[in-house]
Amino acid sequence: MSTTRLLFPLITLLLVAGCQSQSQMLASDENVAIQTAERRGQFELDCPAATGSILSSNMLQPVLWGGQERAEYSVGVTGCGKRAVYVVICPMASSGCFAGAGRDNPEITP
């Protein structure tokens, strides 16, 4: 009986602690998404000083039942008079992200 009394609060605590809102999940991967897009942008724009910023973010639902939820970010990268936009996908519960090709604008017009 005492084991049951101890397990119920512990399980409840674990369930509550594991729940995050979508905005919290998106915010947790923002820095990794920016770094991923910056690395690709620095190479493609031939500009080591290029920097990125989040333009938009969204949670993608799994395609298949039991699939993995993913965070999707549009990241703008600018530097050396050039800019590009990359779509960055970060699978939840993963330490890495992928920066896919976006739209690029070679010259920044004033």
PDB file of N, CA and C in Angstrom:
ATOM      1  N   MET A   1       0.816  -1.184   0.000  1.00  0.00           N
ATOM      2  CA  MET A   1       0.000   0.000   0.000  1.00  0.00           C
ATOM      3  C   MET A   1       0.864   1.254   0.000  1.00  0.00           C
ATOM      4  N   SER A   2       1.941   1.268   0.761  1.00  0.00           N
ATOM      5  CA  SER A   2       2.806   2.450   0.792  1.00  0.00           C
ATOM      6  C   SER A   2       3.528   2.653  -0.534  1.00  0.00           C
ATOM      7  N   THR A   3       3.814   1.580  -1.266  1.00  0.00           N
ATOM      8  CA  THR A   3       4.450   1.698  -2.577  1.00  0.00           C
ATOM      9  C   THR A   3       3.510   2.394  -3.556  1.00  0.00           C
ATOM     10  N   THR A   4       2.242   2.060  -3.524  1.00  0.00           N
ATOM     11  CA  THR A   4       1.257   2.693  -4.393  1.00  0.00           C
ATOM     12  C   THR A   4       1.137   4.173  -4.072  1.00  0.00           C
ATOM     13  N   ARG A   5       1.170   4.523  -2.807  1.00  0.00           N
ATOM     14  CA  ARG A   5       1.094   5.924  -2.400  1.00  0.00           C
ATOM     15  C   ARG A   5       2.276   6.719  -2.932  1.00  0.00           C
ATOM     16  N   LEU A   6       3.424   6.106  -3.011  1.00  0.00           N
ATOM     17  CA  LEU A   6       4.617   6.787  -3.506  1.00  0.00           C
ATOM     18  C   LEU A   6       4.655   6.851  -5.022  1.00  0.00           C
ATOM     19  N   LEU A   7       4.191   5.810  -5.689  1.00  0.00           N
ATOM     20  CA  LEU A   7       4.257   5.755  -7.144  1.00  0.00           C
ATOM     21  C   LEU A   7       3.290   6.725  -7.822  1.00  0.00           C
ATOM     22  N   PHE A   8       2.090   6.858  -7.313  1.00  0.00           N
ATOM     23  CA  PHE A   8       1.104   7.720  -7.956  1.00  0.00           C
ATOM     24  C   PHE A   8       1.576   9.175  -8.042  1.00  0.00           C
ATOM     25  N   PRO A   9       2.055   9.795  -6.965  1.00  0.00           N
ATOM     26  CA  PRO A   9       2.544  11.175  -7.096  1.00  0.00           C
ATOM     27  C   PRO A   9       3.771  11.286  -8.007  1.00  0.00           C
ATOM     28  N   LEU A  10       4.627  10.269  -7.986  1.00  0.00           N
ATOM     29  CA  LEU A  10       5.814  10.286  -8.835  1.00  0.00           C
ATOM     30  C   LEU A  10       5.439  10.228 -10.310  1.00  0.00           C
ATOM     31  N   ILE A  11       4.519   9.361 -10.674  1.00  0.00           N
ATOM     32  CA  ILE A  11       4.064   9.246 -12.058  1.00  0.00           C
ATOM     33  C   ILE A  11       3.370  10.535 -12.492  1.00  0.00           C
ATOM     34  N   THR A  12       2.537  11.091 -11.637  1.00  0.00           N
ATOM     35  CA  THR A  12       1.857  12.347 -11.944  1.00  0.00           C
ATOM     36  C   THR A  12       2.870  13.465 -12.178  1.00  0.00           C
ATOM     37  N   LEU A  13       3.873  13.549 -11.350  1.00  0.00           N
ATOM     38  CA  LEU A  13       4.910  14.568 -11.497  1.00  0.00           C
ATOM     39  C   LEU A  13       5.659  14.405 -12.810  1.00  0.00           C
ATOM     40  N   LEU A  14       6.003  13.187 -13.176  1.00  0.00           N
ATOM     41  CA  LEU A  14       6.705  12.931 -14.435  1.00  0.00           C
ATOM     42  C   LEU A  14       5.858  13.306 -15.647  1.00  0.00           C
ATOM     43  N   LEU A  15       4.568  13.009 -15.597  1.00  0.00           N
ATOM     44  CA  LEU A  15       3.690  13.354 -16.711  1.00  0.00           C
ATOM     45  C   LEU A  15       3.549  14.860 -16.872  1.00  0.00           C
ATOM     46  N   VAL A  16       3.393  15.567 -15.772  1.00  0.00           N
ATOM     47  CA  VAL A  16       3.240  17.023 -15.822  1.00  0.00           C
ATOM     48  C   VAL A  16       4.546  17.673 -16.270  1.00  0.00           C
ATOM     49  N   ALA A  17       5.675  17.190 -15.790  1.00  0.00           N
ATOM     50  CA  ALA A  17       6.968  17.773 -16.159  1.00  0.00           C
ATOM     51  C   ALA A  17       7.297  17.536 -17.626  1.00  0.00           C
ATOM     52  N   GLY A  18       6.789  16.446 -18.199  1.00  0.00           N
ATOM     53  CA  GLY A  18       7.086  16.127 -19.582  1.00  0.00           C
ATOM     54  C   GLY A  18       6.248  16.900 -20.587  1.00  0.00           C
ATOM     55  N   CYS A  19       5.229  17.581 -20.144  1.00  0.00           N
ATOM     56  CA  CYS A  19       4.345  18.312 -21.049  1.00  0.00           C
ATOM     57  C   CYS A  19       4.864  19.725 -21.272  1.00  0.00           C
ATOM     58  N   GLN A  20       5.048  20.085 -22.534  1.00  0.00           N
ATOM     59  CA  GLN A  20       5.460  21.423 -22.903  1.00  0.00           C
ATOM     60  C   GLN A  20       4.468  21.956 -23.914  1.00  0.00           C
ATOM     61  N   SER A  21       4.288  23.265 -23.913  1.00  0.00           N
ATOM     62  CA  SER A  21       3.432  23.860 -24.926  1.00  0.00           C
ATOM     63  C   SER A  21       4.192  23.901 -26.246  1.00  0.00           C
ATOM     64  N   GLN A  22       3.460  24.098 -27.349  1.00  0.00           N
ATOM     65  CA  GLN A  22       4.109  24.189 -28.654  1.00  0.00           C
ATOM     66  C   GLN A  22       5.113  25.329 -28.689  1.00  0.00           C
ATOM     67  N   SER A  23       4.769  26.462 -28.090  1.00  0.00           N
ATOM     68  CA  SER A  23       5.694  27.596 -28.119  1.00  0.00           C
ATOM     69  C   SER A  23       6.972  27.285 -27.350  1.00  0.00           C
ATOM     70  N   GLN A  24       6.866  26.526 -26.265  1.00  0.00           N
ATOM     71  CA  GLN A  24       8.064  26.138 -25.514  1.00  0.00           C
ATOM     72  C   GLN A  24       8.927  25.180 -26.332  1.00  0.00           C
ATOM     73  N   MET A  25       8.288  24.252 -27.038  1.00  0.00           N
ATOM     74  CA  MET A  25       9.044  23.307 -27.863  1.00  0.00           C
ATOM     75  C   MET A  25       9.734  24.031 -29.013  1.00  0.00           C
ATOM     76  N   LEU A  26       9.041  24.975 -29.645  1.00  0.00           N
ATOM     77  CA  LEU A  26       9.647  25.744 -30.734  1.00  0.00           C
ATOM     78  C   LEU A  26      10.802  26.590 -30.224  1.00  0.00           C
ATOM     79  N   ALA A  27      10.622  27.214 -29.078  1.00  0.00           N
ATOM     80  CA  ALA A  27      11.677  28.062 -28.514  1.00  0.00           C
ATOM     81  C   ALA A  27      12.913  27.254 -28.134  1.00  0.00           C
ATOM     82  N   SER A  28      12.721  25.993 -27.744  1.00  0.00           N
ATOM     83  CA  SER A  28      13.862  25.185 -27.304  1.00  0.00           C
ATOM     84  C   SER A  28      14.832  24.868 -28.439  1.00  0.00           C
ATOM     85  N   ASP A  29      14.370  24.851 -29.687  1.00  0.00           N
ATOM     86  CA  ASP A  29      15.240  24.521 -30.817  1.00  0.00           C
ATOM     87  C   ASP A  29      15.623  25.731 -31.665  1.00  0.00           C
ATOM     88  N   GLU A  30      15.183  26.928 -31.284  1.00  0.00           N
ATOM     89  CA  GLU A  30      15.461  28.116 -32.104  1.00  0.00           C
ATOM     90  C   GLU A  30      16.950  28.342 -32.339  1.00  0.00           C
ATOM     91  N   ASN A  31      17.752  28.259 -31.291  1.00  0.00           N
ATOM     92  CA  ASN A  31      19.190  28.521 -31.434  1.00  0.00           C
ATOM     93  C   ASN A  31      19.867  27.510 -32.359  1.00  0.00           C
ATOM     94  N   VAL A  32      19.486  26.235 -32.241  1.00  0.00           N
ATOM     95  CA  VAL A  32      20.069  25.205 -33.102  1.00  0.00           C
ATOM     96  C   VAL A  32      19.649  25.449 -34.556  1.00  0.00           C
ATOM     97  N   ALA A  33      18.394  25.849 -34.762  1.00  0.00           N
ATOM     98  CA  ALA A  33      17.905  26.130 -36.119  1.00  0.00           C
ATOM     99  C   ALA A  33      18.661  27.308 -36.728  1.00  0.00           C
ATOM    100  N   ILE A  34      18.881  28.356 -35.959  1.00  0.00           N
ATOM    101  CA  ILE A  34      19.617  29.523 -36.459  1.00  0.00           C
ATOM    102  C   ILE A  34      21.051  29.129 -36.803  1.00  0.00           C
ATOM    103  N   GLN A  35      21.707  28.397 -35.922  1.00  0.00           N
ATOM    104  CA  GLN A  35      23.095  27.977 -36.173  1.00  0.00           C
ATOM    105  C   GLN A  35      23.191  27.106 -37.422  1.00  0.00           C
ATOM    106  N   THR A  36      22.227  26.211 -37.619  1.00  0.00           N
ATOM    107  CA  THR A  36      22.226  25.329 -38.788  1.00  0.00           C
ATOM    108  C   THR A  36      22.091  26.136 -40.073  1.00  0.00           C
ATOM    109  N   ALA A  37      21.154  27.090 -40.089  1.00  0.00           N
ATOM    110  CA  ALA A  37      20.969  27.935 -41.273  1.00  0.00           C
ATOM    111  C   ALA A  37      22.167  28.855 -41.492  1.00  0.00           C
ATOM    112  N   GLU A  38      22.735  29.381 -40.407  1.00  0.00           N
ATOM    113  CA  GLU A  38      23.908  30.257 -40.543  1.00  0.00           C
ATOM    114  C   GLU A  38      25.071  29.525 -41.193  1.00  0.00           C
ATOM    115  N   ARG A  39      25.340  28.301 -40.757  1.00  0.00           N
ATOM    116  CA  ARG A  39      26.447  27.532 -41.342  1.00  0.00           C
ATOM    117  C   ARG A  39      26.246  27.324 -42.841  1.00  0.00           C
ATOM    118  N   ARG A  40      25.033  26.958 -43.226  1.00  0.00           N
ATOM    119  CA  ARG A  40      24.764  26.764 -44.652  1.00  0.00           C
ATOM    120  C   ARG A  40      24.862  28.094 -45.400  1.00  0.00           C
ATOM    121  N   GLY A  41      24.295  29.146 -44.821  1.00  0.00           N
ATOM    122  CA  GLY A  41      24.337  30.455 -45.458  1.00  0.00           C
ATOM    123  C   GLY A  41      25.749  31.003 -45.577  1.00  0.00           C
ATOM    124  N   GLN A  42      26.563  30.827 -44.552  1.00  0.00           N
ATOM    125  CA  GLN A  42      27.946  31.301 -44.616  1.00  0.00           C
ATOM    126  C   GLN A  42      28.694  30.639 -45.757  1.00  0.00           C
ATOM    127  N   PHE A  43      28.439  29.367 -45.983  1.00  0.00           N
ATOM    128  CA  PHE A  43      29.082  28.658 -47.092  1.00  0.00           C
ATOM    129  C   PHE A  43      28.516  29.112 -48.439  1.00  0.00           C
ATOM    130  N   GLU A  44      27.193  29.069 -48.584  1.00  0.00           N
ATOM    131  CA  GLU A  44      26.581  29.386 -49.879  1.00  0.00           C
ATOM    132  C   GLU A  44      26.747  30.849 -50.282  1.00  0.00           C
ATOM    133  N   LEU A  45      26.710  31.749 -49.310  1.00  0.00           N
ATOM    134  CA  LEU A  45      26.865  33.170 -49.614  1.00  0.00           C
ATOM    135  C   LEU A  45      28.336  33.584 -49.649  1.00  0.00           C
ATOM    136  N   ASP A  46      29.220  32.642 -49.323  1.00  0.00           N
ATOM    137  CA  ASP A  46      30.660  32.911 -49.245  1.00  0.00           C
ATOM    138  C   ASP A  46      30.913  34.112 -48.342  1.00  0.00           C
ATOM    139  N   CYS A  47      30.307  34.033 -47.145  1.00  0.00           N
ATOM    140  CA  CYS A  47      30.377  35.146 -46.201  1.00  0.00           C
ATOM    141  C   CYS A  47      30.448  34.612 -44.769  1.00  0.00           C
ATOM    142  N   PRO A  48      31.653  34.483 -44.208  1.00  0.00           N
ATOM    143  CA  PRO A  48      31.790  33.961 -42.849  1.00  0.00           C
ATOM    144  C   PRO A  48      31.095  34.814 -41.780  1.00  0.00           C
ATOM    145  N   ALA A  49      30.793  36.071 -42.107  1.00  0.00           N
ATOM    146  CA  ALA A  49      30.155  36.966 -41.131  1.00  0.00           C
ATOM    147  C   ALA A  49      28.633  36.937 -41.213  1.00  0.00           C
ATOM    148  N   ALA A  50      28.049  36.112 -42.081  1.00  0.00           N
ATOM    149  CA  ALA A  50      26.593  36.075 -42.242  1.00  0.00           C
ATOM    150  C   ALA A  50      25.926  35.629 -40.943  1.00  0.00           C
ATOM    151  N   THR A  51      24.793  36.247 -40.632  1.00  0.00           N
ATOM    152  CA  THR A  51      24.047  35.929 -39.416  1.00  0.00           C
ATOM    153  C   THR A  51      22.600  35.625 -39.764  1.00  0.00           C
ATOM    154  N   GLY A  52      21.957  34.870 -38.893  1.00  0.00           N
ATOM    155  CA  GLY A  52      20.586  34.453 -39.151  1.00  0.00           C
ATOM    156  C   GLY A  52      19.616  34.933 -38.102  1.00  0.00           C
ATOM    157  N   SER A  53      18.350  34.950 -38.492  1.00  0.00           N
ATOM    158  CA  SER A  53      17.270  35.273 -37.558  1.00  0.00           C
ATOM    159  C   SER A  53      16.016  34.505 -37.970  1.00  0.00           C
ATOM    160  N   ILE A  54      15.216  34.152 -36.974  1.00  0.00           N
ATOM    161  CA  ILE A  54      13.989  33.407 -37.217  1.00  0.00           C
ATOM    162  C   ILE A  54      12.960  34.324 -37.867  1.00  0.00           C
ATOM    163  N   LEU A  55      12.411  33.890 -38.994  1.00  0.00           N
ATOM    164  CA  LEU A  55      11.340  34.636 -39.658  1.00  0.00           C
ATOM    165  C   LEU A  55       9.974  34.083 -39.263  1.00  0.00           C
ATOM    166  N   SER A  56       9.885  32.757 -39.145  1.00  0.00           N
ATOM    167  CA  SER A  56       8.637  32.126 -38.706  1.00  0.00           C
ATOM    168  C   SER A  56       8.946  30.730 -38.181  1.00  0.00           C
ATOM    169  N   SER A  57       8.000  30.179 -37.426  1.00  0.00           N
ATOM    170  CA  SER A  57       8.164  28.828 -36.899  1.00  0.00           C
ATOM    171  C   SER A  57       6.806  28.148 -36.834  1.00  0.00           C
ATOM    172  N   ASN A  58       6.844  26.816 -36.888  1.00  0.00           N
ATOM    173  CA  ASN A  58       5.616  26.049 -36.945  1.00  0.00           C
ATOM    174  C   ASN A  58       5.905  24.619 -36.490  1.00  0.00           C
ATOM    175  N   MET A  59       4.935  23.984 -35.852  1.00  0.00           N
ATOM    176  CA  MET A  59       5.058  22.570 -35.507  1.00  0.00           C
ATOM    177  C   MET A  59       4.421  21.746 -36.612  1.00  0.00           C
ATOM    178  N   LEU A  60       5.161  20.757 -37.124  1.00  0.00           N
ATOM    179  CA  LEU A  60       4.644  19.845 -38.145  1.00  0.00           C
ATOM    180  C   LEU A  60       4.199  18.558 -37.456  1.00  0.00           C
ATOM    181  N   GLN A  61       2.986  18.161 -37.727  1.00  0.00           N
ATOM    182  CA  GLN A  61       2.461  16.938 -37.133  1.00  0.00           C
ATOM    183  C   GLN A  61       3.014  15.728 -37.874  1.00  0.00           C
ATOM    184  N   PRO A  62       3.113  14.588 -37.203  1.00  0.00           N
ATOM    185  CA  PRO A  62       3.616  13.373 -37.854  1.00  0.00           C
ATOM    186  C   PRO A  62       2.742  12.985 -39.049  1.00  0.00           C
ATOM    187  N   VAL A  63       3.377  12.509 -40.097  1.00  0.00           N
ATOM    188  CA  VAL A  63       2.650  12.075 -41.288  1.00  0.00           C
ATOM    189  C   VAL A  63       1.980  10.732 -41.018  1.00  0.00           C
ATOM    190  N   LEU A  64       2.670   9.855 -40.343  1.00  0.00           N
ATOM    191  CA  LEU A  64       2.154   8.527 -40.041  1.00  0.00           C
ATOM    192  C   LEU A  64       1.833   8.412 -38.563  1.00  0.00           C
ATOM    193  N   TRP A  65       0.919   7.502 -38.234  1.00  0.00           N
ATOM    194  CA  TRP A  65       0.615   7.252 -36.835  1.00  0.00           C
ATOM    195  C   TRP A  65       1.873   6.756 -36.142  1.00  0.00           C
ATOM    196  N   GLY A  66       2.208   7.325 -35.025  1.00  0.00           N
ATOM    197  CA  GLY A  66       3.420   6.948 -34.316  1.00  0.00           C
ATOM    198  C   GLY A  66       4.666   7.622 -34.860  1.00  0.00           C
ATOM    199  N   GLY A  67       4.508   8.531 -35.822  1.00  0.00           N
ATOM    200  CA  GLY A  67       5.648   9.237 -36.406  1.00  0.00           C
ATOM    201  C   GLY A  67       6.174  10.317 -35.466  1.00  0.00           C
ATOM    202  N   GLN A  68       7.201  10.987 -35.913  1.00  0.00           N
ATOM    203  CA  GLN A  68       7.870  11.973 -35.066  1.00  0.00           C
ATOM    204  C   GLN A  68       7.406  13.387 -35.398  1.00  0.00           C
ATOM    205  N   GLU A  69       7.102  14.148 -34.360  1.00  0.00           N
ATOM    206  CA  GLU A  69       6.732  15.545 -34.515  1.00  0.00           C
ATOM    207  C   GLU A  69       7.992  16.348 -34.829  1.00  0.00           C
ATOM    208  N   ARG A  70       7.861  17.386 -35.679  1.00  0.00           N
ATOM    209  CA  ARG A  70       9.022  18.173 -36.088  1.00  0.00           C
ATOM    210  C   ARG A  70       8.717  19.657 -35.983  1.00  0.00           C
ATOM    211  N   ALA A  71       9.759  20.410 -35.694  1.00  0.00           N
ATOM    212  CA  ALA A  71       9.647  21.869 -35.689  1.00  0.00           C
ATOM    213  C   ALA A  71      10.187  22.369 -37.023  1.00  0.00           C
ATOM    214  N   GLU A  72       9.492  23.327 -37.626  1.00  0.00           N
ATOM    215  CA  GLU A  72       9.908  23.902 -38.901  1.00  0.00           C
ATOM    216  C   GLU A  72      10.133  25.404 -38.702  1.00  0.00           C
ATOM    217  N   TYR A  73      11.275  25.876 -39.132  1.00  0.00           N
ATOM    218  CA  TYR A  73      11.630  27.292 -39.007  1.00  0.00           C
ATOM    219  C   TYR A  73      12.001  27.847 -40.377  1.00  0.00           C
ATOM    220  N   SER A  74      11.597  29.076 -40.639  1.00  0.00           N
ATOM    221  CA  SER A  74      12.121  29.824 -41.782  1.00  0.00           C
ATOM    222  C   SER A  74      13.155  30.763 -41.182  1.00  0.00           C
ATOM    223  N   VAL A  75      14.392  30.648 -41.654  1.00  0.00           N
ATOM    224  CA  VAL A  75      15.484  31.441 -41.094  1.00  0.00           C
ATOM    225  C   VAL A  75      16.089  32.291 -42.204  1.00  0.00           C
ATOM    226  N   GLY A  76      16.129  33.592 -41.981  1.00  0.00           N
ATOM    227  CA  GLY A  76      16.771  34.506 -42.911  1.00  0.00           C
ATOM    228  C   GLY A  76      18.230  34.675 -42.541  1.00  0.00           C
ATOM    229  N   VAL A  77      19.118  34.570 -43.526  1.00  0.00           N
ATOM    230  CA  VAL A  77      20.552  34.727 -43.305  1.00  0.00           C
ATOM    231  C   VAL A  77      21.036  35.877 -44.183  1.00  0.00           C
ATOM    232  N   THR A  78      21.715  36.850 -43.572  1.00  0.00           N
ATOM    233  CA  THR A  78      22.212  38.005 -44.320  1.00  0.00           C
ATOM    234  C   THR A  78      23.681  38.249 -43.995  1.00  0.00           C
ATOM    235  N   GLY A  79      24.385  38.780 -44.995  1.00  0.00           N
ATOM    236  CA  GLY A  79      25.777  39.148 -44.790  1.00  0.00           C
ATOM    237  C   GLY A  79      26.469  39.412 -46.115  1.00  0.00           C
ATOM    238  N   CYS A  80      27.456  40.294 -46.100  1.00  0.00           N
ATOM    239  CA  CYS A  80      28.253  40.618 -47.283  1.00  0.00           C
ATOM    240  C   CYS A  80      27.391  41.100 -48.456  1.00  0.00           C
ATOM    241  N   GLY A  81      26.319  41.821 -48.153  1.00  0.00           N
ATOM    242  CA  GLY A  81      25.451  42.343 -49.195  1.00  0.00           C
ATOM    243  C   GLY A  81      24.555  41.309 -49.850  1.00  0.00           C
ATOM    244  N   LYS A  82      24.433  40.117 -49.243  1.00  0.00           N
ATOM    245  CA  LYS A  82      23.613  39.032 -49.799  1.00  0.00           C
ATOM    246  C   LYS A  82      22.670  38.531 -48.718  1.00  0.00           C
ATOM    247  N   ARG A  83      21.638  37.842 -49.155  1.00  0.00           N
ATOM    248  CA  ARG A  83      20.722  37.237 -48.187  1.00  0.00           C
ATOM    249  C   ARG A  83      20.067  36.005 -48.785  1.00  0.00           C
ATOM    250  N   ALA A  84      19.629  35.133 -47.907  1.00  0.00           N
ATOM    251  CA  ALA A  84      18.949  33.901 -48.308  1.00  0.00           C
ATOM    252  C   ALA A  84      17.989  33.504 -47.204  1.00  0.00           C
ATOM    253  N   VAL A  85      16.996  32.710 -47.569  1.00  0.00           N
ATOM    254  CA  VAL A  85      16.046  32.168 -46.599  1.00  0.00           C
ATOM    255  C   VAL A  85      16.131  30.653 -46.676  1.00  0.00           C
ATOM    256  N   TYR A  86      16.253  30.007 -45.516  1.00  0.00           N
ATOM    257  CA  TYR A  86      16.346  28.556 -45.440  1.00  0.00           C
ATOM    258  C   TYR A  86      15.196  28.007 -44.595  1.00  0.00           C
ATOM    259  N   VAL A  87      14.706  26.839 -44.992  1.00  0.00           N
ATOM    260  CA  VAL A  87      13.719  26.120 -44.203  1.00  0.00           C
ATOM    261  C   VAL A  87      14.496  25.100 -43.381  1.00  0.00           C
ATOM    262  N   VAL A  88      14.390  25.203 -42.061  1.00  0.00           N
ATOM    263  CA  VAL A  88      15.129  24.323 -41.154  1.00  0.00           C
ATOM    264  C   VAL A  88      14.132  23.411 -40.450  1.00  0.00           C
ATOM    265  N   ILE A  89      14.395  22.107 -40.497  1.00  0.00           N
ATOM    266  CA  ILE A  89      13.545  21.109 -39.853  1.00  0.00           C
ATOM    267  C   ILE A  89      14.319  20.491 -38.691  1.00  0.00           C
ATOM    268  N   CYS A  90      13.701  20.490 -37.520  1.00  0.00           N
ATOM    269  CA  CYS A  90      14.309  19.912 -36.323  1.00  0.00           C
ATOM    270  C   CYS A  90      13.369  18.856 -35.744  1.00  0.00           C
ATOM    271  N   PRO A  91      13.700  17.564 -35.889  1.00  0.00           N
ATOM    272  CA  PRO A  91      12.874  16.526 -35.269  1.00  0.00           C
ATOM    273  C   PRO A  91      12.905  16.680 -33.744  1.00  0.00           C
ATOM    274  N   MET A  92      11.751  16.542 -33.110  1.00  0.00           N
ATOM    275  CA  MET A  92      11.695  16.643 -31.658  1.00  0.00           C
ATOM    276  C   MET A  92      12.450  15.458 -31.059  1.00  0.00           C
ATOM    277  N   ALA A  93      13.046  15.661 -29.925  1.00  0.00           N
ATOM    278  CA  ALA A  93      13.839  14.643 -29.226  1.00  0.00           C
ATOM    279  C   ALA A  93      15.056  14.235 -30.044  1.00  0.00           C
ATOM    280  N   SER A  94      15.597  15.176 -30.804  1.00  0.00           N
ATOM    281  CA  SER A  94      16.805  14.930 -31.587  1.00  0.00           C
ATOM    282  C   SER A  94      17.753  16.102 -31.356  1.00  0.00           C
ATOM    283  N   SER A  95      19.020  15.880 -31.522  1.00  0.00           N
ATOM    284  CA  SER A  95      19.990  16.953 -31.268  1.00  0.00           C
ATOM    285  C   SER A  95      20.397  17.694 -32.537  1.00  0.00           C
ATOM    286  N   GLY A  96      19.856  17.305 -33.689  1.00  0.00           N
ATOM    287  CA  GLY A  96      20.285  17.935 -34.930  1.00  0.00           C
ATOM    288  C   GLY A  96      19.129  18.459 -35.760  1.00  0.00           C
ATOM    289  N   CYS A  97      19.453  19.363 -36.655  1.00  0.00           N
ATOM    290  CA  CYS A  97      18.470  19.952 -37.564  1.00  0.00           C
ATOM    291  C   CYS A  97      19.010  19.880 -38.983  1.00  0.00           C
ATOM    292  N   PHE A  98      18.122  20.061 -39.967  1.00  0.00           N
ATOM    293  CA  PHE A  98      18.493  20.056 -41.370  1.00  0.00           C
ATOM    294  C   PHE A  98      18.050  21.361 -41.994  1.00  0.00           C
ATOM    295  N   ALA A  99      18.953  22.052 -42.683  1.00  0.00           N
ATOM    296  CA  ALA A  99      18.625  23.299 -43.379  1.00  0.00           C
ATOM    297  C   ALA A  99      18.430  22.995 -44.850  1.00  0.00           C
ATOM    298  N   GLY A 100      17.200  23.084 -45.304  1.00  0.00           N
ATOM    299  CA  GLY A 100      16.885  22.864 -46.708  1.00  0.00           C
ATOM    300  C   GLY A 100      16.970  24.161 -47.483  1.00  0.00           C
ATOM    301  N   ALA A 101      17.064  24.017 -48.786  1.00  0.00           N
ATOM    302  CA  ALA A 101      17.154  25.197 -49.650  1.00  0.00           C
ATOM    303  C   ALA A 101      15.884  26.011 -49.531  1.00  0.00           C
ATOM    304  N   GLY A 102      16.085  27.286 -49.493  1.00  0.00           N
ATOM    305  CA  GLY A 102      14.978  28.212 -49.484  1.00  0.00           C
ATOM    306  C   GLY A 102      15.080  29.104 -50.697  1.00  0.00           C
ATOM    307  N   ARG A 103      14.603  30.288 -50.566  1.00  0.00           N
ATOM    308  CA  ARG A 103      14.682  31.260 -51.637  1.00  0.00           C
ATOM    309  C   ARG A 103      15.852  32.186 -51.348  1.00  0.00           C
ATOM    310  N   ASP A 104      16.659  32.493 -52.344  1.00  0.00           N
ATOM    311  CA  ASP A 104      17.774  33.392 -52.098  1.00  0.00           C
ATOM    312  C   ASP A 104      17.670  34.635 -52.977  1.00  0.00           C
ATOM    313  N   ASN A 105      18.173  35.721 -52.464  1.00  0.00           N
ATOM    314  CA  ASN A 105      18.237  36.998 -53.165  1.00  0.00           C
ATOM    315  C   ASN A 105      19.696  37.452 -53.101  1.00  0.00           C
ATOM    316  N   PRO A 106      20.447  37.314 -54.190  1.00  0.00           N
ATOM    317  CA  PRO A 106      21.890  37.551 -54.149  1.00  0.00           C
ATOM    318  C   PRO A 106      22.289  38.954 -53.715  1.00  0.00           C
ATOM    319  N   GLU A 107      21.537  39.946 -54.068  1.00  0.00           N
ATOM    320  CA  GLU A 107      21.911  41.311 -53.700  1.00  0.00           C
ATOM    321  C   GLU A 107      20.818  41.940 -52.854  1.00  0.00           C
ATOM    322  N   ILE A 108      21.217  42.617 -51.810  1.00  0.00           N
ATOM    323  CA  ILE A 108      20.272  43.359 -50.988  1.00  0.00           C
ATOM    324  C   ILE A 108      20.091  44.722 -51.641  1.00  0.00           C
ATOM    325  N   THR A 109      18.842  45.032 -51.960  1.00  0.00           N
ATOM    326  CA  THR A 109      18.584  46.340 -52.579  1.00  0.00           C
ATOM    327  C   THR A 109      18.159  47.326 -51.503  1.00  0.00           C
ATOM    328  N   PRO A 110      18.685  48.551 -51.578  1.00  0.00           N
ATOM    329  CA  PRO A 110      18.345  49.532 -50.539  1.00  0.00           C
ATOM    330  C   PRO A 110      16.899  49.944 -50.564  1.00  0.00           C
TER     331      PRO A 110
END
